[in-house]
Each structure stands twice: as structure tokens, then as C-alpha cells.
Amino acid sequence: MNRKGRKPVAAPIVQMQRELEEYRRSRPRLAKLPESIWEAATALARQHGLYAVTQALRLDYMGLKKRLGDVPSQRPANSKPVFVELIAPPPPTQPEKCLIEFESTRGDKMRIHWPASTAPDWTALLRAWRGTEQ
């Protein structure tokens, strides 16, 4: 990209720019463009996009769009998708089981099997258990 944030112009468009500038220098300002120039611009628009070609060649956007007809212009191969949908996996059919084990400094152990999808408040369980040790 150049310093204005625009993508660099493709080589075939640059070549067409030179040819078009040369034609414009040799003709009166409001002279109609020959059909060969419009055909070349149409081919470039199909390959590089309508907007890129009309901006670089300083052509009438709607005029070139009409000449393209019903054929949609292709986006450049290096264009990136704007939106990507991410699909989450389905939730499990059976609730997951949770196993909690506590061991005190004296060697006492507590084991809890929790057959629920949400875990209990572990810190509250640990505090209650430690409170009984004292």
C-alpha cells in the first residue's frame, strides 16, 4: 500500500493508464473515447474490479458498469473475507461429572463426586471442611 492507504495499482492497469493519457493528450478534452479503449477497460474491470479500474483510469464508473452488463466483476485473489462465522460444537447430551478431592495437613481426605454440569463453589466447600477440623 502506498502512503495514502491505497493498494498499489496492477501492472496491466498502469499500462492502460499510459495509453489513455497519451490518447487524451492528442485529442480535444471532451472527445468520446473509442470503443477499443472501453473494451480494454471492461476486460481490466472484470479482472481487477470496477472501482480500481475507474479510479486509476479516471473513467465514468456508471458508464463502465453498464458496459460490463450482467457479468459480475471478480474481486482480486488477494482480498480477505470481511466476516467469518464460527460454529460452536453442540452441548454434551449427558451432564459432565466433576470430582473434587481435598486433603488436610493431618492426612484427612474428602472426595466429592458431583454429577452436574456446573461445579459447586469449591472455596466455600474447602472453608466448611477446614472449619470442622479445628
C-alpha atoms as a PDB file:
ATOM      1  CA  MET A   1       0.000   0.000   0.000  1.00  0.00           C
ATOM      2  CA  ASN A   2       1.139   3.498  -0.624  1.00  0.00           C
ATOM      3  CA  ARG A   3       1.210   6.253   1.977  1.00  0.00           C
ATOM      4  CA  LYS A   4      -2.470   7.156   1.497  1.00  0.00           C
ATOM      5  CA  GLY A   5      -3.523   3.609   2.388  1.00  0.00           C
ATOM      6  CA  ARG A   6      -4.414   2.565  -1.147  1.00  0.00           C
ATOM      7  CA  LYS A   7      -3.340  -0.679  -2.728  1.00  0.00           C
ATOM      8  CA  PRO A   8      -0.707  -0.471  -5.468  1.00  0.00           C
ATOM      9  CA  VAL A   9      -2.092  -0.380  -8.996  1.00  0.00           C
ATOM     10  CA  ALA A  10      -1.726  -3.596 -11.028  1.00  0.00           C
ATOM     11  CA  ALA A  11       0.739  -3.559 -13.941  1.00  0.00           C
ATOM     12  CA  PRO A  12      -1.921  -4.006 -16.705  1.00  0.00           C
ATOM     13  CA  ILE A  13      -3.845  -1.027 -15.322  1.00  0.00           C
ATOM     14  CA  VAL A  14      -0.663   1.091 -15.263  1.00  0.00           C
ATOM     15  CA  GLN A  15      -0.032   0.189 -18.910  1.00  0.00           C
ATOM     16  CA  MET A  16      -3.597   1.186 -19.803  1.00  0.00           C
ATOM     17  CA  GLN A  17      -3.140   4.448 -17.851  1.00  0.00           C
ATOM     18  CA  ARG A  18      -0.156   5.344 -20.046  1.00  0.00           C
ATOM     19  CA  GLU A  19      -2.043   4.546 -23.252  1.00  0.00           C
ATOM     20  CA  LEU A  20      -5.094   6.502 -22.119  1.00  0.00           C
ATOM     21  CA  GLU A  21      -3.016   9.556 -21.105  1.00  0.00           C
ATOM     22  CA  GLU A  22      -1.311   9.510 -24.483  1.00  0.00           C
ATOM     23  CA  TYR A  23      -4.710   9.357 -26.211  1.00  0.00           C
ATOM     24  CA  ARG A  24      -6.100  12.186 -24.074  1.00  0.00           C
ATOM     25  CA  ARG A  25      -3.129  14.448 -24.859  1.00  0.00           C
ATOM     26  CA  SER A  26      -3.684  14.049 -28.597  1.00  0.00           C
ATOM     27  CA  ARG A  27      -7.462  14.663 -28.603  1.00  0.00           C
ATOM     28  CA  PRO A  28      -9.782  17.519 -27.584  1.00  0.00           C
ATOM     29  CA  ARG A  29     -10.832  17.419 -23.918  1.00  0.00           C
ATOM     30  CA  LEU A  30     -14.472  16.357 -24.405  1.00  0.00           C
ATOM     31  CA  ALA A  31     -13.883  13.880 -27.248  1.00  0.00           C
ATOM     32  CA  LYS A  32     -15.546  10.475 -26.863  1.00  0.00           C
ATOM     33  CA  LEU A  33     -13.277   7.554 -26.112  1.00  0.00           C
ATOM     34  CA  PRO A  34     -13.007   4.954 -28.868  1.00  0.00           C
ATOM     35  CA  GLU A  35     -14.680   1.595 -28.377  1.00  0.00           C
ATOM     36  CA  SER A  36     -11.302  -0.174 -28.206  1.00  0.00           C
ATOM     37  CA  ILE A  37     -10.413   1.736 -25.014  1.00  0.00           C
ATOM     38  CA  TRP A  38     -13.783   0.896 -23.443  1.00  0.00           C
ATOM     39  CA  GLU A  39     -13.337  -2.786 -24.337  1.00  0.00           C
ATOM     40  CA  ALA A  40      -9.866  -2.849 -22.767  1.00  0.00           C
ATOM     41  CA  ALA A  41     -11.190  -1.097 -19.652  1.00  0.00           C
ATOM     42  CA  THR A  42     -14.058  -3.600 -19.449  1.00  0.00           C
ATOM     43  CA  ALA A  43     -11.606  -6.512 -19.589  1.00  0.00           C
ATOM     44  CA  LEU A  44      -9.488  -4.920 -16.851  1.00  0.00           C
ATOM     45  CA  ALA A  45     -12.573  -4.300 -14.693  1.00  0.00           C
ATOM     46  CA  ARG A  46     -13.549  -7.975 -14.939  1.00  0.00           C
ATOM     47  CA  GLN A  47     -10.085  -8.960 -13.779  1.00  0.00           C
ATOM     48  CA  HIS A  48      -9.216  -6.263 -11.205  1.00  0.00           C
ATOM     49  CA  GLY A  49     -12.555  -4.809 -10.160  1.00  0.00           C
ATOM     50  CA  LEU A  50     -14.714  -1.967 -11.397  1.00  0.00           C
ATOM     51  CA  TYR A  51     -13.751   0.615  -8.771  1.00  0.00           C
ATOM     52  CA  ALA A  52      -9.993   0.039  -9.085  1.00  0.00           C
ATOM     53  CA  VAL A  53     -10.094   0.468 -12.865  1.00  0.00           C
ATOM     54  CA  THR A  54     -12.368   3.533 -12.946  1.00  0.00           C
ATOM     55  CA  GLN A  55     -10.277   5.293 -10.294  1.00  0.00           C
ATOM     56  CA  ALA A  56      -6.920   4.550 -11.904  1.00  0.00           C
ATOM     57  CA  LEU A  57      -8.047   5.377 -15.450  1.00  0.00           C
ATOM     58  CA  ARG A  58     -10.325   8.281 -14.454  1.00  0.00           C
ATOM     59  CA  LEU A  59     -13.311   6.782 -16.259  1.00  0.00           C
ATOM     60  CA  ASP A  60     -17.041   7.144 -15.625  1.00  0.00           C
ATOM     61  CA  TYR A  61     -17.958   4.462 -13.071  1.00  0.00           C
ATOM     62  CA  MET A  62     -21.575   4.035 -14.199  1.00  0.00           C
ATOM     63  CA  GLY A  63     -20.588   4.102 -17.884  1.00  0.00           C
ATOM     64  CA  LEU A  64     -18.115   1.270 -17.406  1.00  0.00           C
ATOM     65  CA  LYS A  65     -20.553  -0.611 -15.159  1.00  0.00           C
ATOM     66  CA  LYS A  66     -23.198  -0.526 -17.917  1.00  0.00           C
ATOM     67  CA  ARG A  67     -20.658  -1.870 -20.398  1.00  0.00           C
ATOM     68  CA  LEU A  68     -19.872  -4.756 -18.057  1.00  0.00           C
ATOM     69  CA  GLY A  69     -23.529  -5.803 -18.247  1.00  0.00           C
ATOM     70  CA  ASP A  70     -24.764  -8.621 -16.022  1.00  0.00           C
ATOM     71  CA  VAL A  71     -21.323 -10.180 -15.604  1.00  0.00           C
ATOM     72  CA  PRO A  72     -20.208  -9.542 -12.011  1.00  0.00           C
ATOM     73  CA  SER A  73     -16.692  -8.214 -11.624  1.00  0.00           C
ATOM     74  CA  GLN A  74     -14.279 -10.502  -9.843  1.00  0.00           C
ATOM     75  CA  ARG A  75     -12.548  -9.428  -6.672  1.00  0.00           C
ATOM     76  CA  PRO A  76      -8.766  -9.659  -6.641  1.00  0.00           C
ATOM     77  CA  ALA A  77      -7.409 -13.018  -5.474  1.00  0.00           C
ATOM     78  CA  ASN A  78      -5.601 -11.422  -2.542  1.00  0.00           C
ATOM     79  CA  SER A  79      -8.760  -9.940  -0.996  1.00  0.00           C
ATOM     80  CA  LYS A  80      -9.607 -11.151   2.505  1.00  0.00           C
ATOM     81  CA  PRO A  81     -13.043 -12.102   3.815  1.00  0.00           C
ATOM     82  CA  VAL A  82     -14.713  -9.482   5.947  1.00  0.00           C
ATOM     83  CA  PHE A  83     -16.861 -11.827   8.022  1.00  0.00           C
ATOM     84  CA  VAL A  84     -16.147 -15.357   9.192  1.00  0.00           C
ATOM     85  CA  GLU A  85     -18.798 -17.384  11.034  1.00  0.00           C
ATOM     86  CA  LEU A  86     -17.596 -19.691  13.769  1.00  0.00           C
ATOM     87  CA  ILE A  87     -19.936 -22.502  14.755  1.00  0.00           C
ATOM     88  CA  ALA A  88     -19.666 -23.825  18.313  1.00  0.00           C
ATOM     89  CA  PRO A  89     -19.894 -27.553  18.940  1.00  0.00           C
ATOM     90  CA  PRO A  90     -23.222 -28.793  20.313  1.00  0.00           C
ATOM     91  CA  PRO A  91     -23.516 -29.064  24.105  1.00  0.00           C
ATOM     92  CA  PRO A  92     -22.966 -32.526  25.582  1.00  0.00           C
ATOM     93  CA  THR A  93     -26.084 -34.678  25.860  1.00  0.00           C
ATOM     94  CA  GLN A  94     -25.235 -36.001  29.333  1.00  0.00           C
ATOM     95  CA  PRO A  95     -24.138 -33.773  32.186  1.00  0.00           C
ATOM     96  CA  GLU A  96     -20.435 -33.963  32.865  1.00  0.00           C
ATOM     97  CA  LYS A  97     -19.206 -35.365  36.145  1.00  0.00           C
ATOM     98  CA  CYS A  98     -16.980 -33.427  38.467  1.00  0.00           C
ATOM     99  CA  LEU A  99     -14.636 -34.921  41.054  1.00  0.00           C
ATOM    100  CA  ILE A 100     -13.312 -32.793  43.933  1.00  0.00           C
ATOM    101  CA  GLU A 101     -10.663 -34.083  46.356  1.00  0.00           C
ATOM    102  CA  PHE A 102      -9.362 -32.298  49.451  1.00  0.00           C
ATOM    103  CA  GLU A 103      -6.557 -33.463  51.744  1.00  0.00           C
ATOM    104  CA  SER A 104      -5.664 -31.843  55.028  1.00  0.00           C
ATOM    105  CA  THR A 105      -2.201 -31.480  56.535  1.00  0.00           C
ATOM    106  CA  ARG A 106      -3.144 -34.200  59.051  1.00  0.00           C
ATOM    107  CA  GLY A 107      -3.880 -36.624  56.197  1.00  0.00           C
ATOM    108  CA  ASP A 108      -7.681 -36.439  56.320  1.00  0.00           C
ATOM    109  CA  LYS A 109      -9.261 -36.725  52.863  1.00  0.00           C
ATOM    110  CA  MET A 110     -12.588 -35.711  51.387  1.00  0.00           C
ATOM    111  CA  ARG A 111     -13.758 -36.792  47.942  1.00  0.00           C
ATOM    112  CA  ILE A 112     -16.878 -35.387  46.278  1.00  0.00           C
ATOM    113  CA  HIS A 113     -18.441 -36.785  43.092  1.00  0.00           C
ATOM    114  CA  TRP A 114     -20.527 -34.020  41.523  1.00  0.00           C
ATOM    115  CA  PRO A 115     -22.838 -35.205  38.696  1.00  0.00           C
ATOM    116  CA  ALA A 116     -23.770 -31.731  37.449  1.00  0.00           C
ATOM    117  CA  SER A 117     -22.800 -29.559  34.535  1.00  0.00           C
ATOM    118  CA  THR A 118     -21.923 -26.637  36.827  1.00  0.00           C
ATOM    119  CA  ALA A 119     -19.294 -27.008  39.519  1.00  0.00           C
ATOM    120  CA  PRO A 120     -20.060 -26.096  43.149  1.00  0.00           C
ATOM    121  CA  ASP A 121     -18.370 -23.260  44.996  1.00  0.00           C
ATOM    122  CA  TRP A 122     -15.097 -25.020  45.786  1.00  0.00           C
ATOM    123  CA  THR A 123     -13.776 -22.362  48.121  1.00  0.00           C
ATOM    124  CA  ALA A 124     -16.919 -22.486  50.297  1.00  0.00           C
ATOM    125  CA  LEU A 125     -16.651 -26.295  50.480  1.00  0.00           C
ATOM    126  CA  LEU A 126     -12.988 -26.099  51.468  1.00  0.00           C
ATOM    127  CA  ARG A 127     -13.670 -23.464  54.158  1.00  0.00           C
ATOM    128  CA  ALA A 128     -16.514 -25.541  55.623  1.00  0.00           C
ATOM    129  CA  TRP A 129     -14.380 -28.644  55.724  1.00  0.00           C
ATOM    130  CA  ARG A 130     -11.420 -26.840  57.313  1.00  0.00           C
ATOM    131  CA  GLY A 131     -13.788 -25.331  59.874  1.00  0.00           C
ATOM    132  CA  THR A 132     -14.692 -28.814  61.096  1.00  0.00           C
ATOM    133  CA  GLU A 133     -11.009 -29.732  61.561  1.00  0.00           C
ATOM    134  CA  GLN A 134     -10.413 -27.189  64.273  1.00  0.00           C
END
